[in-house]
């Protein structure tokens, strides 16, 4: 296992030999780290992560809700995720047309 440069827990799952893994393969992670919630897992080795934010609208003196959805690669060593799990994703090189992030950690449930 290699050091990816940030402080994350060691994944417990088995590696399937795929190079697109930041811990065992050759995928480099860089840039921003985002916390979010898994909303769906319909694609192969990919999950959709949602991040909800609020934004103040000065004209109306109210807050609006915003949701941003990210497609993120799910390495086999992270294990199985289900909708509702809290995860951290980090930017990587483009792996497909929409996938530009990789799951680096499944956060503990409170």
Protein backbone atom coordinates (compact mmCIF):
# COMPACT_ATOMS: atom_id res chain seq x y z
CA UNK A 1 0.00 0.00 0.00
CA UNK A 2 1.26 3.46 -0.80
CA UNK A 3 0.88 6.80 0.95
CA UNK A 4 -1.53 9.11 -0.90
CA UNK A 5 -0.37 12.24 0.92
CA UNK A 6 -3.32 12.90 3.22
CA UNK A 7 -4.44 11.47 6.54
CA UNK A 8 -7.07 8.79 5.87
CA UNK A 9 -7.86 5.44 7.43
CA UNK A 10 -6.41 2.36 5.74
CA UNK A 11 -9.02 0.60 3.56
CA UNK A 12 -9.91 -2.90 4.76
CA UNK A 13 -11.12 -4.40 1.47
CA UNK A 14 -9.21 -6.52 -1.03
CA UNK A 15 -7.63 -5.01 -4.13
CA UNK A 16 -8.74 -6.50 -7.47
CA UNK A 17 -5.63 -5.49 -9.45
CA UNK A 18 -7.19 -2.44 -11.13
CA UNK A 19 -4.68 0.41 -11.67
CA UNK A 20 -7.34 3.05 -10.89
CA UNK A 21 -6.79 2.84 -7.13
CA UNK A 22 -5.00 5.57 -5.14
CA UNK A 23 -3.85 3.13 -2.44
CA UNK A 24 -2.60 0.10 -4.42
CA UNK A 25 -2.66 1.20 -8.08
CA UNK A 26 -1.10 4.13 -9.92
CA UNK A 27 -3.93 6.68 -9.67
CA UNK A 28 -2.69 10.01 -8.28
CA UNK A 29 -5.07 12.19 -6.28
CA UNK A 30 -4.70 15.97 -6.01
CA UNK A 31 -6.71 19.12 -5.53
CA UNK A 32 -9.86 19.49 -3.50
CA UNK A 33 -11.28 17.14 -0.88
CA UNK A 34 -15.09 17.02 -0.66
CA UNK A 35 -17.35 15.46 1.97
CA UNK A 36 -20.71 14.18 0.80
CA UNK A 37 -23.37 11.49 0.93
CA UNK A 38 -23.68 8.62 -1.55
CA UNK A 39 -26.95 9.06 -3.43
CA UNK A 40 -26.78 6.19 -5.92
CA UNK A 41 -24.59 3.31 -7.03
CA UNK A 42 -25.90 2.34 -10.44
CA UNK A 43 -22.70 2.34 -12.47
CA UNK A 44 -19.82 -0.12 -12.45
CA UNK A 45 -17.09 1.00 -9.97
CA UNK A 46 -18.72 4.44 -9.71
CA UNK A 47 -20.96 6.16 -7.17
CA UNK A 48 -22.81 9.47 -7.24
CA UNK A 49 -22.01 11.71 -4.26
CA UNK A 50 -24.22 14.65 -3.29
CA UNK A 51 -23.10 17.73 -1.39
CA UNK A 52 -25.81 20.04 -0.06
CA UNK A 53 -25.04 23.70 0.67
CA UNK A 54 -27.00 26.83 1.51
CA UNK A 55 -26.42 30.18 -0.12
CA UNK A 56 -27.59 33.57 1.10
CA UNK A 57 -29.65 35.63 -1.37
CA UNK A 58 -29.24 39.31 -0.40
CA UNK A 59 -32.09 40.54 -2.61
CA UNK A 60 -34.69 38.36 -0.87
CA UNK A 61 -32.89 38.19 2.51
CA UNK A 62 -33.26 34.43 2.58
CA UNK A 63 -31.19 31.31 2.09
CA UNK A 64 -31.53 28.93 -0.83
CA UNK A 65 -30.60 25.25 -0.85
CA UNK A 66 -28.20 24.01 -3.49
CA UNK A 67 -27.18 20.46 -4.35
CA UNK A 68 -24.10 19.47 -6.31
CA UNK A 69 -23.69 15.91 -7.57
CA UNK A 70 -20.29 14.36 -8.31
CA UNK A 71 -19.59 11.08 -10.09
CA UNK A 72 -16.72 9.43 -8.24
CA UNK A 73 -14.71 6.28 -8.89
CA UNK A 74 -15.08 3.61 -6.19
CA UNK A 75 -11.89 1.55 -5.72
CA UNK A 76 -12.40 -2.10 -4.79
CA UNK A 77 -10.30 -1.73 -1.64
CA UNK A 78 -12.79 0.76 -0.11
CA UNK A 79 -15.48 -1.92 -0.04
CA UNK A 80 -19.18 -1.80 -0.73
CA UNK A 81 -21.05 1.48 -0.28
CA UNK A 82 -24.79 1.95 -0.08
CA UNK A 83 -26.91 5.10 -0.51
CA UNK A 84 -26.75 7.25 2.61
CA UNK A 85 -23.10 6.51 3.49
CA UNK A 86 -20.87 9.51 4.25
CA UNK A 87 -17.69 9.57 2.16
CA UNK A 88 -14.74 11.80 1.31
CA UNK A 89 -13.79 12.17 -2.33
CA UNK A 90 -10.70 13.75 -3.85
CA UNK A 91 -9.93 15.11 -7.27
CA UNK A 92 -7.97 12.96 -9.73
CA UNK A 93 -7.30 12.87 -13.45
CA UNK A 94 -10.37 12.32 -15.67
CA UNK A 95 -11.27 8.62 -15.71
CA UNK A 96 -14.24 9.06 -18.06
CA UNK A 97 -16.46 11.82 -19.44
CA UNK A 98 -18.05 12.56 -16.04
CA UNK A 99 -15.75 10.89 -13.47
CA UNK A 100 -13.06 13.26 -12.17
CA UNK A 101 -13.09 12.32 -8.48
CA UNK A 102 -12.16 9.21 -6.49
CA UNK A 103 -13.53 7.96 -3.15
CA UNK A 104 -10.70 7.99 -0.61
CA UNK A 105 -12.49 7.21 2.65
CA UNK A 106 -15.79 5.96 4.03
CA UNK A 107 -16.49 8.03 7.12
CA UNK A 108 -17.75 6.46 10.31
CA UNK A 109 -21.48 6.77 10.97
CA UNK A 110 -22.49 8.83 13.93
